[in-house]
Amino acid sequence: MAPCIYNELQANVGELRLVALQPSSHHDVLRCSLVHCPLLEPKAVKDERLPICELQKTPSDGWIVEQTLDGQYLFMSPRNSGIPNSWKHPDANHDPKAHELPKRSTDDGSLWHVPPYEALSYTWGTTDNEEYVYITEPADPLRTPS
């Protein structure tokens, strides 16, 4: 089997290395590819939404507006109402610009990029039942090195 060629991360574009697991069945060999993704700060976007204290006055009684860690407003339905919480204002006539985060555009000259990912949890075990992981080229994820 040919060894994996190590490519350094490019610090000037804030790269991060992701492991992309390839689809397989239970007894297939484990295959993955290493993908470098740039993560740069976007240009500042002016937030012209209502402050949360003002927005809290707009939904009907019982609704609560909370702000998430990433800045989104979440409309929480009255307790035991059976209505799900929502990112959208409960009043469909309410202007979305008053509560939605401003859109970040990739056309504004920034290199903003958030790759889609899922976290993988693993456990270190014994070496009694070792498995190999084959690293493939991103362009040919199904090829298993020989």
N, C-alpha and C. Protein backbone atom coordinates (compact mmCIF):
# COMPACT_ATOMS: atom_id res chain seq x y z
N MET A 1 0.85 -1.18 0.00
CA MET A 1 0.00 0.00 0.00
C MET A 1 0.89 1.23 0.00
N ALA A 2 0.57 2.18 -0.86
CA ALA A 2 1.33 3.42 -0.94
C ALA A 2 1.05 4.27 0.29
N PRO A 3 2.07 4.92 0.85
CA PRO A 3 1.83 5.76 2.03
C PRO A 3 1.06 7.03 1.65
N CYS A 4 0.37 7.56 2.60
CA CYS A 4 -0.36 8.81 2.41
C CYS A 4 0.65 9.95 2.31
N ILE A 5 0.47 10.82 1.34
CA ILE A 5 1.36 11.97 1.19
C ILE A 5 0.83 13.09 2.07
N TYR A 6 1.64 13.55 2.98
CA TYR A 6 1.24 14.59 3.93
C TYR A 6 1.36 15.95 3.28
N ASN A 7 0.30 16.72 3.30
CA ASN A 7 0.32 18.09 2.80
C ASN A 7 0.12 19.02 3.98
N GLU A 8 1.02 20.01 4.10
CA GLU A 8 0.90 20.95 5.21
C GLU A 8 -0.31 21.86 5.04
N LEU A 9 -0.86 22.29 6.16
CA LEU A 9 -1.95 23.25 6.14
C LEU A 9 -1.39 24.62 5.76
N GLN A 10 -2.19 25.40 5.06
CA GLN A 10 -1.79 26.76 4.68
C GLN A 10 -2.29 27.73 5.74
N ALA A 11 -1.37 28.19 6.56
CA ALA A 11 -1.74 29.08 7.67
C ALA A 11 -2.30 30.41 7.17
N ASN A 12 -1.85 30.87 6.00
CA ASN A 12 -2.29 32.18 5.50
C ASN A 12 -3.77 32.20 5.13
N VAL A 13 -4.40 31.04 4.92
CA VAL A 13 -5.84 31.00 4.65
C VAL A 13 -6.60 30.31 5.78
N GLY A 14 -5.92 30.08 6.90
CA GLY A 14 -6.59 29.52 8.06
C GLY A 14 -7.17 28.14 7.81
N GLU A 15 -6.40 27.28 7.14
CA GLU A 15 -6.93 25.97 6.80
C GLU A 15 -7.10 25.06 8.02
N LEU A 16 -8.01 24.13 7.85
CA LEU A 16 -8.26 23.10 8.83
C LEU A 16 -8.39 21.80 8.06
N ARG A 17 -7.96 20.71 8.65
CA ARG A 17 -8.00 19.41 7.98
C ARG A 17 -9.19 18.62 8.49
N LEU A 18 -10.03 18.15 7.55
CA LEU A 18 -11.17 17.32 7.89
C LEU A 18 -10.94 15.91 7.36
N VAL A 19 -11.45 14.95 8.07
CA VAL A 19 -11.44 13.56 7.61
C VAL A 19 -12.83 13.27 7.09
N ALA A 20 -12.92 12.94 5.81
CA ALA A 20 -14.22 12.62 5.21
C ALA A 20 -14.34 11.10 5.11
N LEU A 21 -15.20 10.52 5.93
CA LEU A 21 -15.42 9.07 5.88
C LEU A 21 -16.25 8.73 4.66
N GLN A 22 -15.86 7.66 3.96
CA GLN A 22 -16.58 7.25 2.76
C GLN A 22 -17.69 6.27 3.14
N PRO A 23 -18.79 6.27 2.40
CA PRO A 23 -19.88 5.34 2.70
C PRO A 23 -19.41 3.89 2.54
N SER A 24 -19.96 3.03 3.38
CA SER A 24 -19.58 1.62 3.31
C SER A 24 -20.62 0.79 4.04
N SER A 25 -20.43 -0.51 3.95
CA SER A 25 -21.26 -1.45 4.69
C SER A 25 -20.50 -1.91 5.92
N HIS A 26 -21.16 -2.69 6.76
CA HIS A 26 -20.61 -3.07 8.05
C HIS A 26 -19.24 -3.74 7.97
N HIS A 27 -19.02 -4.63 7.03
CA HIS A 27 -17.76 -5.37 6.98
C HIS A 27 -16.77 -4.84 5.96
N ASP A 28 -17.06 -3.70 5.34
CA ASP A 28 -16.14 -3.11 4.36
C ASP A 28 -14.93 -2.53 5.07
N VAL A 29 -13.85 -2.34 4.30
CA VAL A 29 -12.69 -1.66 4.86
C VAL A 29 -13.06 -0.20 5.08
N LEU A 30 -12.41 0.42 6.03
CA LEU A 30 -12.66 1.83 6.33
C LEU A 30 -11.88 2.68 5.34
N ARG A 31 -12.58 3.60 4.65
CA ARG A 31 -11.94 4.49 3.69
C ARG A 31 -12.30 5.92 4.05
N CYS A 32 -11.33 6.78 3.88
CA CYS A 32 -11.57 8.20 4.13
C CYS A 32 -10.65 9.00 3.23
N SER A 33 -10.91 10.28 3.16
CA SER A 33 -10.00 11.19 2.47
C SER A 33 -9.75 12.36 3.40
N LEU A 34 -8.60 12.98 3.22
CA LEU A 34 -8.25 14.16 4.00
C LEU A 34 -8.55 15.38 3.14
N VAL A 35 -9.29 16.31 3.68
CA VAL A 35 -9.71 17.49 2.93
C VAL A 35 -9.25 18.72 3.70
N HIS A 36 -8.62 19.65 3.00
CA HIS A 36 -8.22 20.92 3.60
C HIS A 36 -9.28 21.96 3.27
N CYS A 37 -9.75 22.68 4.28
CA CYS A 37 -10.79 23.68 4.10
C CYS A 37 -10.34 25.00 4.70
N PRO A 38 -10.45 26.10 3.93
CA PRO A 38 -10.10 27.41 4.49
C PRO A 38 -11.22 27.92 5.39
N LEU A 39 -10.83 28.53 6.49
CA LEU A 39 -11.80 29.13 7.41
C LEU A 39 -11.33 30.54 7.71
N LEU A 40 -11.84 31.50 6.96
CA LEU A 40 -11.45 32.88 7.17
C LEU A 40 -12.63 33.67 7.68
N GLU A 41 -12.34 34.70 8.43
CA GLU A 41 -13.39 35.56 8.96
C GLU A 41 -14.05 36.31 7.81
N PRO A 42 -15.36 36.43 7.84
CA PRO A 42 -16.04 37.20 6.79
C PRO A 42 -15.88 38.69 7.04
N LYS A 43 -16.17 39.46 6.02
CA LYS A 43 -16.23 40.89 6.23
C LYS A 43 -17.39 41.17 7.16
N ALA A 44 -17.26 42.20 7.95
CA ALA A 44 -18.33 42.54 8.88
C ALA A 44 -19.61 42.89 8.12
N VAL A 45 -20.72 42.36 8.60
CA VAL A 45 -22.02 42.65 8.02
C VAL A 45 -22.81 43.41 9.08
N LYS A 46 -23.36 44.54 8.69
CA LYS A 46 -24.10 45.36 9.65
C LYS A 46 -25.38 44.65 10.06
N ASP A 47 -25.56 44.51 11.35
CA ASP A 47 -26.75 43.87 11.91
C ASP A 47 -27.80 44.93 12.17
N GLU A 48 -28.83 44.95 11.34
CA GLU A 48 -29.87 45.96 11.46
C GLU A 48 -31.16 45.41 12.06
N ARG A 49 -31.06 44.25 12.72
CA ARG A 49 -32.24 43.65 13.33
C ARG A 49 -32.66 44.44 14.56
N LEU A 50 -33.89 44.18 14.97
CA LEU A 50 -34.35 44.77 16.23
C LEU A 50 -33.54 44.18 17.38
N PRO A 51 -33.22 44.98 18.39
CA PRO A 51 -32.61 44.39 19.59
C PRO A 51 -33.60 43.41 20.21
N ILE A 52 -33.10 42.41 20.89
CA ILE A 52 -33.96 41.36 21.43
C ILE A 52 -35.01 41.92 22.38
N CYS A 53 -34.68 42.97 23.13
CA CYS A 53 -35.67 43.55 24.05
C CYS A 53 -36.84 44.16 23.28
N GLU A 54 -36.59 44.73 22.10
CA GLU A 54 -37.67 45.29 21.27
C GLU A 54 -38.43 44.17 20.56
N LEU A 55 -37.69 43.17 20.08
CA LEU A 55 -38.32 42.07 19.37
C LEU A 55 -39.25 41.29 20.30
N GLN A 56 -38.90 41.22 21.58
CA GLN A 56 -39.72 40.48 22.55
C GLN A 56 -41.13 41.07 22.67
N LYS A 57 -41.29 42.33 22.32
CA LYS A 57 -42.61 42.99 22.41
C LYS A 57 -43.51 42.65 21.22
N THR A 58 -42.97 42.02 20.17
CA THR A 58 -43.75 41.84 18.94
C THR A 58 -44.58 40.57 18.86
N PRO A 59 -44.18 39.43 19.42
CA PRO A 59 -45.07 38.26 19.31
C PRO A 59 -46.22 38.34 20.30
N SER A 60 -47.23 37.50 20.07
CA SER A 60 -48.38 37.49 20.96
C SER A 60 -47.97 36.95 22.33
N ASP A 61 -48.87 37.10 23.28
CA ASP A 61 -48.60 36.70 24.66
C ASP A 61 -48.13 35.26 24.76
N GLY A 62 -47.19 35.05 25.63
CA GLY A 62 -46.71 33.70 25.90
C GLY A 62 -45.47 33.32 25.12
N TRP A 63 -45.22 33.98 23.96
CA TRP A 63 -44.03 33.69 23.18
C TRP A 63 -42.82 34.36 23.81
N ILE A 64 -41.69 33.69 23.76
CA ILE A 64 -40.44 34.22 24.28
C ILE A 64 -39.42 34.22 23.15
N VAL A 65 -38.60 35.26 23.09
CA VAL A 65 -37.54 35.33 22.09
C VAL A 65 -36.21 35.17 22.83
N GLU A 66 -35.42 34.20 22.38
CA GLU A 66 -34.08 33.98 22.93
C GLU A 66 -33.06 34.13 21.82
N GLN A 67 -31.83 34.45 22.19
CA GLN A 67 -30.76 34.56 21.20
C GLN A 67 -29.79 33.41 21.41
N THR A 68 -29.45 32.72 20.31
CA THR A 68 -28.52 31.59 20.38
C THR A 68 -27.09 32.09 20.41
N LEU A 69 -26.15 31.18 20.66
CA LEU A 69 -24.74 31.56 20.71
C LEU A 69 -24.24 32.12 19.38
N ASP A 70 -24.83 31.66 18.27
CA ASP A 70 -24.40 32.17 16.97
C ASP A 70 -25.19 33.41 16.53
N GLY A 71 -26.01 33.96 17.43
CA GLY A 71 -26.69 35.22 17.18
C GLY A 71 -28.08 35.13 16.60
N GLN A 72 -28.57 33.94 16.30
CA GLN A 72 -29.92 33.81 15.75
C GLN A 72 -30.96 34.04 16.84
N TYR A 73 -32.12 34.53 16.42
CA TYR A 73 -33.24 34.66 17.34
C TYR A 73 -34.12 33.43 17.22
N LEU A 74 -34.48 32.85 18.35
CA LEU A 74 -35.34 31.68 18.38
C LEU A 74 -36.63 32.08 19.09
N PHE A 75 -37.75 31.83 18.41
CA PHE A 75 -39.06 32.13 18.97
C PHE A 75 -39.56 30.87 19.66
N MET A 76 -39.72 30.97 20.97
CA MET A 76 -40.13 29.82 21.77
C MET A 76 -41.61 29.94 22.09
N SER A 77 -42.33 28.89 21.74
CA SER A 77 -43.78 28.91 21.87
C SER A 77 -44.22 28.85 23.33
N PRO A 78 -45.47 29.28 23.58
CA PRO A 78 -45.98 29.20 24.95
C PRO A 78 -45.94 27.75 25.45
N ARG A 79 -45.59 27.58 26.69
CA ARG A 79 -45.47 26.25 27.30
C ARG A 79 -46.78 25.48 27.15
N ASN A 80 -46.64 24.19 26.80
CA ASN A 80 -47.77 23.27 26.64
C ASN A 80 -48.77 23.69 25.55
N SER A 81 -48.35 24.52 24.60
CA SER A 81 -49.27 24.94 23.55
C SER A 81 -49.32 23.93 22.40
N GLY A 82 -48.31 23.09 22.31
CA GLY A 82 -48.24 22.15 21.20
C GLY A 82 -47.68 22.77 19.93
N ILE A 83 -47.36 24.04 19.96
CA ILE A 83 -46.78 24.73 18.80
C ILE A 83 -45.26 24.62 18.90
N PRO A 84 -44.59 24.19 17.84
CA PRO A 84 -43.13 24.05 17.92
C PRO A 84 -42.42 25.41 17.95
N ASN A 85 -41.25 25.42 18.57
CA ASN A 85 -40.39 26.61 18.52
C ASN A 85 -39.99 26.83 17.07
N SER A 86 -39.58 28.06 16.76
CA SER A 86 -39.31 28.36 15.36
C SER A 86 -38.26 29.45 15.23
N TRP A 87 -37.53 29.40 14.09
CA TRP A 87 -36.62 30.49 13.74
C TRP A 87 -37.41 31.63 13.11
N LYS A 88 -38.63 31.37 12.68
CA LYS A 88 -39.48 32.38 12.05
C LYS A 88 -40.40 33.01 13.09
N HIS A 89 -40.70 34.26 12.88
CA HIS A 89 -41.59 34.98 13.79
C HIS A 89 -42.98 34.33 13.73
N PRO A 90 -43.67 34.18 14.87
CA PRO A 90 -44.99 33.55 14.86
C PRO A 90 -46.04 34.34 14.08
N ASP A 91 -45.82 35.63 13.89
CA ASP A 91 -46.71 36.44 13.08
C ASP A 91 -46.13 36.47 11.66
N ALA A 92 -46.78 35.77 10.73
CA ALA A 92 -46.28 35.64 9.36
C ALA A 92 -46.15 37.00 8.65
N ASN A 93 -46.84 38.03 9.14
CA ASN A 93 -46.77 39.36 8.52
C ASN A 93 -45.61 40.20 9.05
N HIS A 94 -44.89 39.67 10.04
CA HIS A 94 -43.76 40.41 10.62
C HIS A 94 -42.60 40.43 9.63
N ASP A 95 -41.95 41.57 9.48
CA ASP A 95 -40.84 41.72 8.53
C ASP A 95 -39.65 40.86 8.97
N PRO A 96 -39.23 39.88 8.15
CA PRO A 96 -38.11 39.01 8.52
C PRO A 96 -36.81 39.76 8.77
N LYS A 97 -36.63 40.92 8.15
CA LYS A 97 -35.40 41.69 8.35
C LYS A 97 -35.24 42.14 9.80
N ALA A 98 -36.35 42.16 10.54
CA ALA A 98 -36.32 42.59 11.94
C ALA A 98 -35.74 41.51 12.85
N HIS A 99 -35.67 40.25 12.36
CA HIS A 99 -35.19 39.19 13.25
C HIS A 99 -34.20 38.21 12.61
N GLU A 100 -34.12 38.13 11.28
CA GLU A 100 -33.20 37.18 10.66
C GLU A 100 -31.79 37.75 10.60
N LEU A 101 -30.82 36.87 10.80
CA LEU A 101 -29.43 37.29 10.68
C LEU A 101 -29.16 37.76 9.26
N PRO A 102 -28.34 38.80 9.10
CA PRO A 102 -28.00 39.23 7.74
C PRO A 102 -27.26 38.10 7.02
N LYS A 103 -27.55 37.96 5.74
CA LYS A 103 -26.92 36.91 4.94
C LYS A 103 -25.48 37.30 4.66
N ARG A 104 -24.59 36.31 4.76
CA ARG A 104 -23.20 36.53 4.38
C ARG A 104 -23.04 36.05 2.95
N SER A 105 -22.48 36.88 2.14
CA SER A 105 -22.33 36.55 0.73
C SER A 105 -20.91 36.14 0.43
N THR A 106 -20.75 35.15 -0.42
CA THR A 106 -19.40 34.78 -0.88
C THR A 106 -18.99 35.68 -2.03
N ASP A 107 -19.90 36.55 -2.49
CA ASP A 107 -19.58 37.46 -3.58
C ASP A 107 -19.02 38.79 -3.09
N ASP A 108 -18.86 38.95 -1.77
CA ASP A 108 -18.42 40.24 -1.25
C ASP A 108 -16.90 40.35 -1.16
N GLY A 109 -16.19 39.42 -1.78
CA GLY A 109 -14.73 39.49 -1.78
C GLY A 109 -14.09 38.71 -0.64
N SER A 110 -14.86 38.25 0.31
CA SER A 110 -14.28 37.47 1.40
C SER A 110 -14.19 36.02 0.98
N LEU A 111 -13.39 35.27 1.67
CA LEU A 111 -13.24 33.85 1.38
C LEU A 111 -13.95 33.02 2.43
N TRP A 112 -15.05 33.53 2.97
CA TRP A 112 -15.77 32.84 4.03
C TRP A 112 -16.21 31.47 3.55
N HIS A 113 -15.90 30.48 4.34
CA HIS A 113 -16.27 29.13 3.96
C HIS A 113 -16.46 28.30 5.23
N VAL A 114 -17.61 27.70 5.36
CA VAL A 114 -17.85 26.78 6.47
C VAL A 114 -18.19 25.43 5.85
N PRO A 115 -17.24 24.50 5.89
CA PRO A 115 -17.52 23.20 5.27
C PRO A 115 -18.57 22.44 6.06
N PRO A 116 -19.42 21.69 5.37
CA PRO A 116 -20.38 20.87 6.11
C PRO A 116 -19.63 19.75 6.82
N TYR A 117 -19.99 19.48 8.05
CA TYR A 117 -19.31 18.43 8.78
C TYR A 117 -20.23 17.86 9.85
N GLU A 118 -19.90 16.67 10.29
CA GLU A 118 -20.54 16.05 11.44
C GLU A 118 -19.41 15.61 12.36
N ALA A 119 -19.63 15.68 13.63
CA ALA A 119 -18.62 15.25 14.58
C ALA A 119 -18.61 13.73 14.65
N LEU A 120 -17.45 13.17 14.82
CA LEU A 120 -17.31 11.73 14.96
C LEU A 120 -16.74 11.45 16.34
N SER A 121 -17.38 10.62 17.06
CA SER A 121 -16.92 10.25 18.38
C SER A 121 -16.26 8.88 18.30
N TYR A 122 -15.20 8.70 19.00
CA TYR A 122 -14.51 7.41 18.96
C TYR A 122 -14.00 7.05 20.35
N THR A 123 -13.66 5.80 20.50
CA THR A 123 -13.11 5.32 21.76
C THR A 123 -11.81 4.60 21.48
N TRP A 124 -10.80 4.89 22.25
CA TRP A 124 -9.55 4.15 22.12
C TRP A 124 -9.77 2.78 22.74
N GLY A 125 -9.33 1.77 22.05
CA GLY A 125 -9.52 0.41 22.57
C GLY A 125 -8.19 -0.31 22.66
N THR A 126 -8.27 -1.59 22.73
CA THR A 126 -7.05 -2.39 22.79
C THR A 126 -6.56 -2.63 21.36
N THR A 127 -5.39 -3.19 21.24
CA THR A 127 -4.84 -3.52 19.93
C THR A 127 -5.18 -4.95 19.53
N ASP A 128 -6.09 -5.58 20.25
CA ASP A 128 -6.46 -6.97 19.96
C ASP A 128 -7.17 -7.12 18.62
N ASN A 129 -7.91 -6.12 18.19
CA ASN A 129 -8.68 -6.23 16.96
C ASN A 129 -8.45 -4.99 16.11
N GLU A 130 -7.23 -4.81 15.63
CA GLU A 130 -6.88 -3.62 14.87
C GLU A 130 -7.57 -3.60 13.51
N GLU A 131 -7.90 -2.40 13.05
CA GLU A 131 -8.46 -2.19 11.73
C GLU A 131 -7.62 -1.13 11.04
N TYR A 132 -7.46 -1.26 9.74
CA TYR A 132 -6.75 -0.25 8.96
C TYR A 132 -7.75 0.75 8.42
N VAL A 133 -7.30 1.97 8.27
CA VAL A 133 -8.08 3.00 7.61
C VAL A 133 -7.31 3.37 6.36
N TYR A 134 -7.96 3.25 5.20
CA TYR A 134 -7.32 3.58 3.94
C TYR A 134 -7.65 5.02 3.58
N ILE A 135 -6.61 5.80 3.31
CA ILE A 135 -6.79 7.20 2.93
C ILE A 135 -6.75 7.26 1.42
N THR A 136 -7.84 7.73 0.83
CA THR A 136 -7.96 7.80 -0.62
C THR A 136 -7.88 9.26 -1.06
N GLU A 137 -7.76 9.45 -2.34
CA GLU A 137 -7.76 10.81 -2.90
C GLU A 137 -9.19 11.32 -2.88
N PRO A 138 -9.42 12.58 -2.55
CA PRO A 138 -10.78 13.10 -2.57
C PRO A 138 -11.47 12.93 -3.92
N ALA A 139 -10.69 12.97 -5.01
CA ALA A 139 -11.29 12.83 -6.34
C ALA A 139 -11.71 11.39 -6.65
N ASP A 140 -11.16 10.43 -5.92
CA ASP A 140 -11.45 9.00 -6.19
C ASP A 140 -11.68 8.29 -4.86
N PRO A 141 -12.77 8.61 -4.14
CA PRO A 141 -12.95 8.10 -2.79
C PRO A 141 -13.18 6.59 -2.70
N LEU A 142 -13.55 5.93 -3.78
CA LEU A 142 -13.84 4.51 -3.70
C LEU A 142 -12.63 3.64 -3.98
N ARG A 143 -11.55 4.24 -4.46
CA ARG A 143 -10.36 3.45 -4.75
C ARG A 143 -9.64 3.13 -3.45
N THR A 144 -9.41 1.85 -3.21
CA THR A 144 -8.65 1.42 -2.03
C THR A 144 -7.21 1.21 -2.47
N PRO A 145 -6.27 1.88 -1.84
CA PRO A 145 -4.87 1.70 -2.23
C PRO A 145 -4.46 0.23 -2.09
N SER A 146 -3.58 -0.20 -2.98
CA SER A 146 -3.12 -1.60 -2.91
C SER A 146 -1.77 -1.70 -2.25
